[in-house]
Amino acid sequence: MIKPEKNLPIIAVLIFITAIAVLFQIFSSDFRIKTLDVLRMPLKIISGSLYLLRDVTGFRETILENKLLRGNISNLEKELLNLKEAKLENERLKKLLDFKESERRKFVPALVIARDPSGLNDSVIIDRGRKDKIEKGMIVISGSGIAGRVIETGWSISRVLLVTDYDAVFSGVVERTRDEGAVSGNMRAGLVMKYLALGCGVKKGDKVITSGLYGVFEKGILIGEVVSIETDSGGLYENAVIKPEVDARKLEEVLVVR
């Protein structure tokens, strides 16, 4: 509520103008001219004050309008962000659902709730544990690719070592040429497939899948795609740098193969 004393200057100006108007109606034109001449400066000040008051009022209205517009824009941006996030989540869940429906195995859906902050291990924590019949060694996938395997279990959470970790070593096979090699994690480069025979014919774009050997991962799960071929420093074999099918840095939802 506006305080009455704040309106006193405006009321005084209005009374002053009204009084002059009444006097102009009563007295002669000569008197009016002389009065205007005497009151020229006060009228000029009052006129300027009125213009200033009008400008200030308009400025305040503009500020309020801008605040309202900024608020509306902020709300729209938040709604748009929420819609985008929901769309991306739906796409990820659809991939998981499509993969689940295409396989006859049993899966337990899980959410990634934490990551290893130390940087010493490339691992994540999921919100499923022994109460969900999750056991050490179980395979974890995301979309159509391998993500890692369970290495620790609690009652309601589990730790998953991702395939991009240095300690994650397993056997892979190039789908096109059937060449086998040892796939190991390289947190910076993604994955490296070592010990390929010289001149094996593996090339950029080839798909690499799990071989099923040594019991680490079952056969036929997509690991990733070859992005480059390098000859070992000793010249005895070739290494293939692989881009993982699953981006571990963006992992949010997974399926545990039970």
C-alpha atoms as a PDB file:
ATOM      1  CA  MET A   1       0.000   0.000   0.000  1.00  0.00           C
ATOM      2  CA  ILE A   2       1.327   3.476  -0.989  1.00  0.00           C
ATOM      3  CA  LYS A   3       1.856   5.813   1.979  1.00  0.00           C
ATOM      4  CA  PRO A   4      -0.185   9.111   1.879  1.00  0.00           C
ATOM      5  CA  GLU A   5       2.906  11.299   2.396  1.00  0.00           C
ATOM      6  CA  LYS A   6       4.365  10.003  -0.864  1.00  0.00           C
ATOM      7  CA  ASN A   7       1.381  11.525  -2.724  1.00  0.00           C
ATOM      8  CA  LEU A   8       1.678  15.011  -1.149  1.00  0.00           C
ATOM      9  CA  PRO A   9       3.880  16.532  -3.927  1.00  0.00           C
ATOM     10  CA  ILE A  10       1.451  15.322  -6.587  1.00  0.00           C
ATOM     11  CA  ILE A  11      -1.575  16.629  -4.651  1.00  0.00           C
ATOM     12  CA  ALA A  12       0.115  20.006  -4.153  1.00  0.00           C
ATOM     13  CA  VAL A  13       0.866  20.306  -7.866  1.00  0.00           C
ATOM     14  CA  LEU A  14      -2.727  19.440  -8.768  1.00  0.00           C
ATOM     15  CA  ILE A  15      -4.110  22.019  -6.302  1.00  0.00           C
ATOM     16  CA  PHE A  16      -1.727  24.642  -7.691  1.00  0.00           C
ATOM     17  CA  ILE A  17      -2.794  24.000 -11.271  1.00  0.00           C
ATOM     18  CA  THR A  18      -6.489  23.981 -10.312  1.00  0.00           C
ATOM     19  CA  ALA A  19      -6.116  27.284  -8.487  1.00  0.00           C
ATOM     20  CA  ILE A  20      -4.485  28.907 -11.527  1.00  0.00           C
ATOM     21  CA  ALA A  21      -7.238  27.577 -13.783  1.00  0.00           C
ATOM     22  CA  VAL A  22      -9.922  29.082 -11.511  1.00  0.00           C
ATOM     23  CA  LEU A  23      -8.112  32.414 -11.329  1.00  0.00           C
ATOM     24  CA  PHE A  24      -7.878  32.497 -15.115  1.00  0.00           C
ATOM     25  CA  GLN A  25     -11.627  32.114 -15.352  1.00  0.00           C
ATOM     26  CA  ILE A  26     -12.285  34.991 -12.910  1.00  0.00           C
ATOM     27  CA  PHE A  27      -9.704  37.625 -13.804  1.00  0.00           C
ATOM     28  CA  SER A  28      -9.011  39.509 -17.028  1.00  0.00           C
ATOM     29  CA  SER A  29      -6.608  38.508 -19.768  1.00  0.00           C
ATOM     30  CA  ASP A  30      -4.171  41.243 -18.680  1.00  0.00           C
ATOM     31  CA  PHE A  31      -4.068  39.745 -15.219  1.00  0.00           C
ATOM     32  CA  ARG A  32      -3.584  36.276 -16.669  1.00  0.00           C
ATOM     33  CA  ILE A  33      -0.602  37.419 -18.744  1.00  0.00           C
ATOM     34  CA  LYS A  34       1.030  39.144 -15.786  1.00  0.00           C
ATOM     35  CA  THR A  35       0.360  36.136 -13.577  1.00  0.00           C
ATOM     36  CA  LEU A  36       1.886  33.769 -16.129  1.00  0.00           C
ATOM     37  CA  ASP A  37       4.922  36.007 -16.394  1.00  0.00           C
ATOM     38  CA  VAL A  38       5.397  35.928 -12.624  1.00  0.00           C
ATOM     39  CA  LEU A  39       4.746  32.199 -12.410  1.00  0.00           C
ATOM     40  CA  ARG A  40       6.824  31.299 -15.460  1.00  0.00           C
ATOM     41  CA  MET A  41       9.675  29.708 -13.512  1.00  0.00           C
ATOM     42  CA  PRO A  42       7.466  27.829 -11.019  1.00  0.00           C
ATOM     43  CA  LEU A  43       5.317  26.574 -13.898  1.00  0.00           C
ATOM     44  CA  LYS A  44       8.410  25.557 -15.800  1.00  0.00           C
ATOM     45  CA  ILE A  45       9.661  23.621 -12.793  1.00  0.00           C
ATOM     46  CA  ILE A  46       6.246  22.024 -12.277  1.00  0.00           C
ATOM     47  CA  SER A  47       5.988  21.141 -15.959  1.00  0.00           C
ATOM     48  CA  GLY A  48       9.425  19.593 -15.897  1.00  0.00           C
ATOM     49  CA  SER A  49       8.543  17.694 -12.748  1.00  0.00           C
ATOM     50  CA  LEU A  50       5.401  16.322 -14.369  1.00  0.00           C
ATOM     51  CA  TYR A  51       7.345  15.183 -17.430  1.00  0.00           C
ATOM     52  CA  LEU A  52       9.951  13.624 -15.150  1.00  0.00           C
ATOM     53  CA  LEU A  53       7.224  11.940 -13.121  1.00  0.00           C
ATOM     54  CA  ARG A  54       5.692  10.600 -16.319  1.00  0.00           C
ATOM     55  CA  ASP A  55       9.059   9.320 -17.512  1.00  0.00           C
ATOM     56  CA  VAL A  56       9.861   7.739 -14.144  1.00  0.00           C
ATOM     57  CA  THR A  57       6.445   6.076 -14.045  1.00  0.00           C
ATOM     58  CA  GLY A  58       6.915   4.802 -17.584  1.00  0.00           C
ATOM     59  CA  PHE A  59      10.418   3.612 -16.725  1.00  0.00           C
ATOM     60  CA  ARG A  60       9.142   1.742 -13.687  1.00  0.00           C
ATOM     61  CA  GLU A  61       6.433   0.119 -15.797  1.00  0.00           C
ATOM     62  CA  THR A  62       9.072  -0.885 -18.358  1.00  0.00           C
ATOM     63  CA  ILE A  63      11.234  -2.422 -15.627  1.00  0.00           C
ATOM     64  CA  LEU A  64       8.274  -4.374 -14.264  1.00  0.00           C
ATOM     65  CA  GLU A  65       7.349  -5.518 -17.762  1.00  0.00           C
ATOM     66  CA  ASN A  66      10.935  -6.623 -18.423  1.00  0.00           C
ATOM     67  CA  LYS A  67      10.990  -8.555 -15.153  1.00  0.00           C
ATOM     68  CA  LEU A  68       7.772 -10.312 -16.116  1.00  0.00           C
ATOM     69  CA  LEU A  69       9.128 -11.112 -19.579  1.00  0.00           C
ATOM     70  CA  ARG A  70      12.403 -12.413 -18.137  1.00  0.00           C
ATOM     71  CA  GLY A  71      10.432 -14.564 -15.725  1.00  0.00           C
ATOM     72  CA  ASN A  72       8.322 -15.956 -18.564  1.00  0.00           C
ATOM     73  CA  ILE A  73      11.426 -16.659 -20.661  1.00  0.00           C
ATOM     74  CA  SER A  74      13.113 -18.391 -17.718  1.00  0.00           C
ATOM     75  CA  ASN A  75      10.049 -20.584 -17.156  1.00  0.00           C
ATOM     76  CA  LEU A  76       9.870 -21.454 -20.856  1.00  0.00           C
ATOM     77  CA  GLU A  77      13.574 -22.350 -20.895  1.00  0.00           C
ATOM     78  CA  LYS A  78      13.097 -24.634 -17.880  1.00  0.00           C
ATOM     79  CA  GLU A  79      10.102 -26.320 -19.524  1.00  0.00           C
ATOM     80  CA  LEU A  80      12.074 -26.791 -22.753  1.00  0.00           C
ATOM     81  CA  LEU A  81      15.016 -28.262 -20.829  1.00  0.00           C
ATOM     82  CA  ASN A  82      12.692 -30.670 -19.011  1.00  0.00           C
ATOM     83  CA  LEU A  83      11.118 -31.734 -22.307  1.00  0.00           C
ATOM     84  CA  LYS A  84      14.549 -32.330 -23.878  1.00  0.00           C
ATOM     85  CA  GLU A  85      15.688 -34.340 -20.849  1.00  0.00           C
ATOM     86  CA  ALA A  86      12.498 -36.424 -20.941  1.00  0.00           C
ATOM     87  CA  LYS A  87      12.961 -37.042 -24.682  1.00  0.00           C
ATOM     88  CA  LEU A  88      16.573 -38.194 -24.214  1.00  0.00           C
ATOM     89  CA  GLU A  89      15.582 -40.446 -21.317  1.00  0.00           C
ATOM     90  CA  ASN A  90      12.787 -41.979 -23.403  1.00  0.00           C
ATOM     91  CA  GLU A  91      15.239 -42.666 -26.228  1.00  0.00           C
ATOM     92  CA  ARG A  92      17.696 -44.365 -23.863  1.00  0.00           C
ATOM     93  CA  LEU A  93      14.964 -46.455 -22.234  1.00  0.00           C
ATOM     94  CA  LYS A  94      13.590 -47.434 -25.651  1.00  0.00           C
ATOM     95  CA  LYS A  95      17.021 -48.767 -26.653  1.00  0.00           C
ATOM     96  CA  LEU A  96      17.182 -50.803 -23.461  1.00  0.00           C
ATOM     97  CA  LEU A  97      13.647 -52.093 -23.998  1.00  0.00           C
ATOM     98  CA  ASP A  98      14.332 -53.007 -27.631  1.00  0.00           C
ATOM     99  CA  PHE A  99      17.461 -54.906 -26.599  1.00  0.00           C
ATOM    100  CA  LYS A 100      15.617 -56.641 -23.772  1.00  0.00           C
ATOM    101  CA  GLU A 101      12.796 -57.746 -26.070  1.00  0.00           C
ATOM    102  CA  SER A 102      15.241 -59.022 -28.694  1.00  0.00           C
ATOM    103  CA  GLU A 103      16.961 -61.345 -26.200  1.00  0.00           C
ATOM    104  CA  ARG A 104      15.673 -64.320 -24.228  1.00  0.00           C
ATOM    105  CA  ARG A 105      17.872 -63.701 -21.224  1.00  0.00           C
ATOM    106  CA  LYS A 106      16.659 -62.221 -17.944  1.00  0.00           C
ATOM    107  CA  PHE A 107      17.548 -58.620 -17.234  1.00  0.00           C
ATOM    108  CA  VAL A 108      17.393 -56.380 -14.205  1.00  0.00           C
ATOM    109  CA  PRO A 109      17.105 -52.671 -15.068  1.00  0.00           C
ATOM    110  CA  ALA A 110      19.250 -50.354 -12.944  1.00  0.00           C
ATOM    111  CA  LEU A 111      20.162 -46.701 -12.600  1.00  0.00           C
ATOM    112  CA  VAL A 112      23.684 -45.325 -12.265  1.00  0.00           C
ATOM    113  CA  ILE A 113      23.673 -43.412  -8.972  1.00  0.00           C
ATOM    114  CA  ALA A 114      27.390 -42.637  -8.491  1.00  0.00           C
ATOM    115  CA  ARG A 115      30.777 -42.683 -10.200  1.00  0.00           C
ATOM    116  CA  ASP A 116      34.279 -43.253  -8.880  1.00  0.00           C
ATOM    117  CA  PRO A 117      35.434 -39.711  -8.004  1.00  0.00           C
ATOM    118  CA  SER A 118      39.099 -40.688  -7.554  1.00  0.00           C
ATOM    119  CA  GLY A 119      39.720 -41.288 -11.246  1.00  0.00           C
ATOM    120  CA  LEU A 120      41.778 -44.367 -10.327  1.00  0.00           C
ATOM    121  CA  ASN A 121      39.085 -46.734 -11.559  1.00  0.00           C
ATOM    122  CA  ASP A 122      36.524 -46.412 -14.308  1.00  0.00           C
ATOM    123  CA  SER A 123      33.570 -47.742 -12.341  1.00  0.00           C
ATOM    124  CA  VAL A 124      30.019 -46.800 -11.386  1.00  0.00           C
ATOM    125  CA  ILE A 125      27.542 -47.625  -8.630  1.00  0.00           C
ATOM    126  CA  ILE A 126      24.088 -48.915  -9.592  1.00  0.00           C
ATOM    127  CA  ASP A 127      20.925 -49.044  -7.486  1.00  0.00           C
ATOM    128  CA  ARG A 128      20.575 -52.852  -7.521  1.00  0.00           C
ATOM    129  CA  GLY A 129      22.150 -55.379  -5.175  1.00  0.00           C
ATOM    130  CA  ARG A 130      21.800 -58.748  -3.514  1.00  0.00           C
ATOM    131  CA  LYS A 131      18.131 -58.134  -2.739  1.00  0.00           C
ATOM    132  CA  ASP A 132      17.614 -58.028  -6.522  1.00  0.00           C
ATOM    133  CA  LYS A 133      19.649 -61.273  -6.926  1.00  0.00           C
ATOM    134  CA  ILE A 134      22.613 -59.391  -8.392  1.00  0.00           C
ATOM    135  CA  GLU A 135      25.870 -61.336  -8.085  1.00  0.00           C
ATOM    136  CA  LYS A 136      29.531 -60.625  -8.652  1.00  0.00           C
ATOM    137  CA  GLY A 137      30.597 -61.284 -12.244  1.00  0.00           C
ATOM    138  CA  MET A 138      27.252 -60.507 -13.866  1.00  0.00           C
ATOM    139  CA  ILE A 139      27.368 -58.682 -17.204  1.00  0.00           C
ATOM    140  CA  VAL A 140      26.094 -55.121 -17.455  1.00  0.00           C
ATOM    141  CA  ILE A 141      24.922 -53.737 -20.797  1.00  0.00           C
ATOM    142  CA  SER A 142      23.466 -50.490 -22.079  1.00  0.00           C
ATOM    143  CA  GLY A 143      21.606 -50.123 -25.350  1.00  0.00           C
ATOM    144  CA  SER A 144      23.102 -52.747 -27.656  1.00  0.00           C
ATOM    145  CA  GLY A 145      26.612 -52.754 -26.197  1.00  0.00           C
ATOM    146  CA  ILE A 146      28.653 -54.089 -23.308  1.00  0.00           C
ATOM    147  CA  ALA A 147      29.141 -51.666 -20.407  1.00  0.00           C
ATOM    148  CA  GLY A 148      31.018 -53.736 -17.838  1.00  0.00           C
ATOM    149  CA  ARG A 149      30.582 -56.357 -15.133  1.00  0.00           C
ATOM    150  CA  VAL A 150      29.625 -56.406 -11.475  1.00  0.00           C
ATOM    151  CA  ILE A 151      32.681 -56.617  -9.193  1.00  0.00           C
ATOM    152  CA  GLU A 152      31.116 -55.842  -5.790  1.00  0.00           C
ATOM    153  CA  THR A 153      27.615 -56.248  -4.388  1.00  0.00           C
ATOM    154  CA  GLY A 154      25.821 -54.760  -1.406  1.00  0.00           C
ATOM    155  CA  TRP A 155      22.287 -55.345  -0.231  1.00  0.00           C
ATOM    156  CA  SER A 156      20.791 -52.622  -2.441  1.00  0.00           C
ATOM    157  CA  ILE A 157      23.717 -51.372  -4.560  1.00  0.00           C
ATOM    158  CA  SER A 158      26.490 -52.838  -6.703  1.00  0.00           C
ATOM    159  CA  ARG A 159      29.751 -51.627  -8.171  1.00  0.00           C
ATOM    160  CA  VAL A 160      30.320 -52.097 -11.885  1.00  0.00           C
ATOM    161  CA  LEU A 161      33.787 -52.078 -13.446  1.00  0.00           C
ATOM    162  CA  LEU A 162      33.411 -50.540 -16.897  1.00  0.00           C
ATOM    163  CA  VAL A 163      35.099 -52.038 -19.953  1.00  0.00           C
ATOM    164  CA  THR A 164      37.094 -48.818 -20.370  1.00  0.00           C
ATOM    165  CA  ASP A 165      38.986 -49.403 -17.100  1.00  0.00           C
ATOM    166  CA  TYR A 166      42.649 -50.460 -17.310  1.00  0.00           C
ATOM    167  CA  ASP A 167      41.895 -53.620 -15.322  1.00  0.00           C
ATOM    168  CA  ALA A 168      39.094 -54.680 -17.660  1.00  0.00           C
ATOM    169  CA  VAL A 169      40.806 -57.224 -19.939  1.00  0.00           C
ATOM    170  CA  PHE A 170      38.713 -59.650 -21.982  1.00  0.00           C
ATOM    171  CA  SER A 171      38.665 -61.459 -25.307  1.00  0.00           C
ATOM    172  CA  GLY A 172      37.101 -59.936 -28.409  1.00  0.00           C
ATOM    173  CA  VAL A 173      36.621 -60.963 -32.010  1.00  0.00           C
ATOM    174  CA  VAL A 174      36.355 -58.858 -35.152  1.00  0.00           C
ATOM    175  CA  GLU A 175      32.944 -59.694 -36.564  1.00  0.00           C
ATOM    176  CA  ARG A 176      33.944 -59.506 -40.250  1.00  0.00           C
ATOM    177  CA  THR A 177      37.358 -61.207 -40.242  1.00  0.00           C
ATOM    178  CA  ARG A 178      36.926 -63.395 -37.102  1.00  0.00           C
ATOM    179  CA  ASP A 179      40.337 -62.273 -35.825  1.00  0.00           C
ATOM    180  CA  GLU A 180      40.641 -62.538 -32.054  1.00  0.00           C
ATOM    181  CA  GLY A 181      42.535 -60.319 -29.661  1.00  0.00           C
ATOM    182  CA  ALA A 182      42.770 -59.146 -26.082  1.00  0.00           C
ATOM    183  CA  VAL A 183      40.615 -56.084 -25.454  1.00  0.00           C
ATOM    184  CA  SER A 184      41.706 -53.819 -22.628  1.00  0.00           C
ATOM    185  CA  GLY A 185      40.496 -50.528 -21.270  1.00  0.00           C
ATOM    186  CA  ASN A 186      42.233 -47.254 -21.917  1.00  0.00           C
ATOM    187  CA  MET A 187      40.295 -44.503 -20.161  1.00  0.00           C
ATOM    188  CA  ARG A 188      41.600 -41.857 -22.564  1.00  0.00           C
ATOM    189  CA  ALA A 189      41.522 -43.764 -25.848  1.00  0.00           C
ATOM    190  CA  GLY A 190      38.515 -45.924 -25.037  1.00  0.00           C
ATOM    191  CA  LEU A 191      39.500 -49.522 -25.829  1.00  0.00           C
ATOM    192  CA  VAL A 192      42.487 -51.224 -27.445  1.00  0.00           C
ATOM    193  CA  MET A 193      42.424 -54.670 -29.043  1.00  0.00           C
ATOM    194  CA  LYS A 194      45.931 -56.156 -28.915  1.00  0.00           C
ATOM    195  CA  TYR A 195      47.785 -59.080 -30.469  1.00  0.00           C
ATOM    196  CA  LEU A 196      46.148 -59.069 -33.893  1.00  0.00           C
ATOM    197  CA  ALA A 197      48.199 -60.859 -36.534  1.00  0.00           C
ATOM    198  CA  LEU A 198      50.194 -58.668 -38.924  1.00  0.00           C
ATOM    199  CA  GLY A 199      48.276 -58.124 -42.161  1.00  0.00           C
ATOM    200  CA  CYS A 200      45.097 -59.606 -40.684  1.00  0.00           C
ATOM    201  CA  GLY A 201      42.937 -57.277 -42.743  1.00  0.00           C
ATOM    202  CA  VAL A 202      41.115 -55.607 -39.879  1.00  0.00           C
ATOM    203  CA  LYS A 203      40.201 -52.073 -40.911  1.00  0.00           C
ATOM    204  CA  LYS A 204      38.486 -48.933 -39.723  1.00  0.00           C
ATOM    205  CA  GLY A 205      34.739 -49.402 -39.307  1.00  0.00           C
ATOM    206  CA  ASP A 206      34.880 -53.111 -38.393  1.00  0.00           C
ATOM    207  CA  LYS A 207      32.613 -54.174 -35.532  1.00  0.00           C
ATOM    208  CA  VAL A 208      34.139 -55.966 -32.548  1.00  0.00           C
ATOM    209  CA  ILE A 209      32.107 -58.321 -30.336  1.00  0.00           C
ATOM    210  CA  THR A 210      32.824 -60.410 -27.252  1.00  0.00           C
ATOM    211  CA  SER A 211      34.287 -63.829 -28.076  1.00  0.00           C
ATOM    212  CA  GLY A 212      32.964 -65.653 -25.019  1.00  0.00           C
ATOM    213  CA  LEU A 213      36.411 -67.081 -24.196  1.00  0.00           C
ATOM    214  CA  TYR A 214      37.795 -67.276 -20.638  1.00  0.00           C
ATOM    215  CA  GLY A 215      34.349 -66.793 -19.105  1.00  0.00           C
ATOM    216  CA  VAL A 216      34.535 -63.023 -18.624  1.00  0.00           C
ATOM    217  CA  PHE A 217      31.725 -62.063 -21.010  1.00  0.00           C
ATOM    218  CA  GLU A 218      29.406 -64.307 -22.975  1.00  0.00           C
ATOM    219  CA  LYS A 219      29.776 -64.435 -26.744  1.00  0.00           C
ATOM    220  CA  GLY A 220      28.262 -62.016 -29.246  1.00  0.00           C
ATOM    221  CA  ILE A 221      27.791 -58.762 -27.327  1.00  0.00           C
ATOM    222  CA  LEU A 222      28.843 -55.667 -29.248  1.00  0.00           C
ATOM    223  CA  ILE A 223      31.991 -54.014 -27.880  1.00  0.00           C
ATOM    224  CA  GLY A 224      32.496 -51.202 -30.360  1.00  0.00           C
ATOM    225  CA  GLU A 225      33.909 -50.118 -33.696  1.00  0.00           C
ATOM    226  CA  VAL A 226      37.506 -49.995 -34.935  1.00  0.00           C
ATOM    227  CA  VAL A 227      38.668 -46.409 -35.485  1.00  0.00           C
ATOM    228  CA  SER A 228      42.338 -47.028 -36.310  1.00  0.00           C
ATOM    229  CA  ILE A 229      44.988 -49.736 -36.723  1.00  0.00           C
ATOM    230  CA  GLU A 230      48.509 -49.414 -35.309  1.00  0.00           C
ATOM    231  CA  THR A 231      51.523 -51.705 -35.569  1.00  0.00           C
ATOM    232  CA  ASP A 232      53.146 -52.651 -32.280  1.00  0.00           C
ATOM    233  CA  SER A 233      56.460 -50.957 -31.514  1.00  0.00           C
ATOM    234  CA  GLY A 234      58.213 -54.323 -31.829  1.00  0.00           C
ATOM    235  CA  GLY A 235      56.595 -54.960 -35.208  1.00  0.00           C
ATOM    236  CA  LEU A 236      55.248 -58.350 -34.103  1.00  0.00           C
ATOM    237  CA  TYR A 237      51.510 -57.693 -34.184  1.00  0.00           C
ATOM    238  CA  GLU A 238      48.840 -55.052 -34.761  1.00  0.00           C
ATOM    239  CA  ASN A 239      46.634 -53.183 -32.312  1.00  0.00           C
ATOM    240  CA  ALA A 240      43.167 -51.854 -33.068  1.00  0.00           C
ATOM    241  CA  VAL A 241      41.863 -48.767 -31.305  1.00  0.00           C
ATOM    242  CA  ILE A 242      38.147 -49.253 -30.633  1.00  0.00           C
ATOM    243  CA  LYS A 243      35.448 -46.687 -29.999  1.00  0.00           C
ATOM    244  CA  PRO A 244      33.170 -48.298 -27.375  1.00  0.00           C
ATOM    245  CA  GLU A 245      29.533 -48.785 -28.296  1.00  0.00           C
ATOM    246  CA  VAL A 246      28.657 -47.554 -24.796  1.00  0.00           C
ATOM    247  CA  ASP A 247      29.876 -44.101 -23.777  1.00  0.00           C
ATOM    248  CA  ALA A 248      30.822 -44.686 -20.141  1.00  0.00           C
ATOM    249  CA  ARG A 249      30.869 -40.953 -19.404  1.00  0.00           C
ATOM    250  CA  LYS A 250      27.176 -40.666 -20.275  1.00  0.00           C
ATOM    251  CA  LEU A 251      25.964 -43.880 -18.696  1.00  0.00           C
ATOM    252  CA  GLU A 252      22.672 -43.397 -16.826  1.00  0.00           C
ATOM    253  CA  GLU A 253      20.531 -46.530 -17.247  1.00  0.00           C
ATOM    254  CA  VAL A 254      21.777 -50.104 -17.637  1.00  0.00           C
ATOM    255  CA  LEU A 255      20.590 -53.710 -17.711  1.00  0.00           C
ATOM    256  CA  VAL A 256      22.206 -56.383 -15.559  1.00  0.00           C
ATOM    257  CA  VAL A 257      22.177 -59.804 -17.236  1.00  0.00           C
ATOM    258  CA  ARG A 258      21.052 -62.279 -14.587  1.00  0.00           C
END
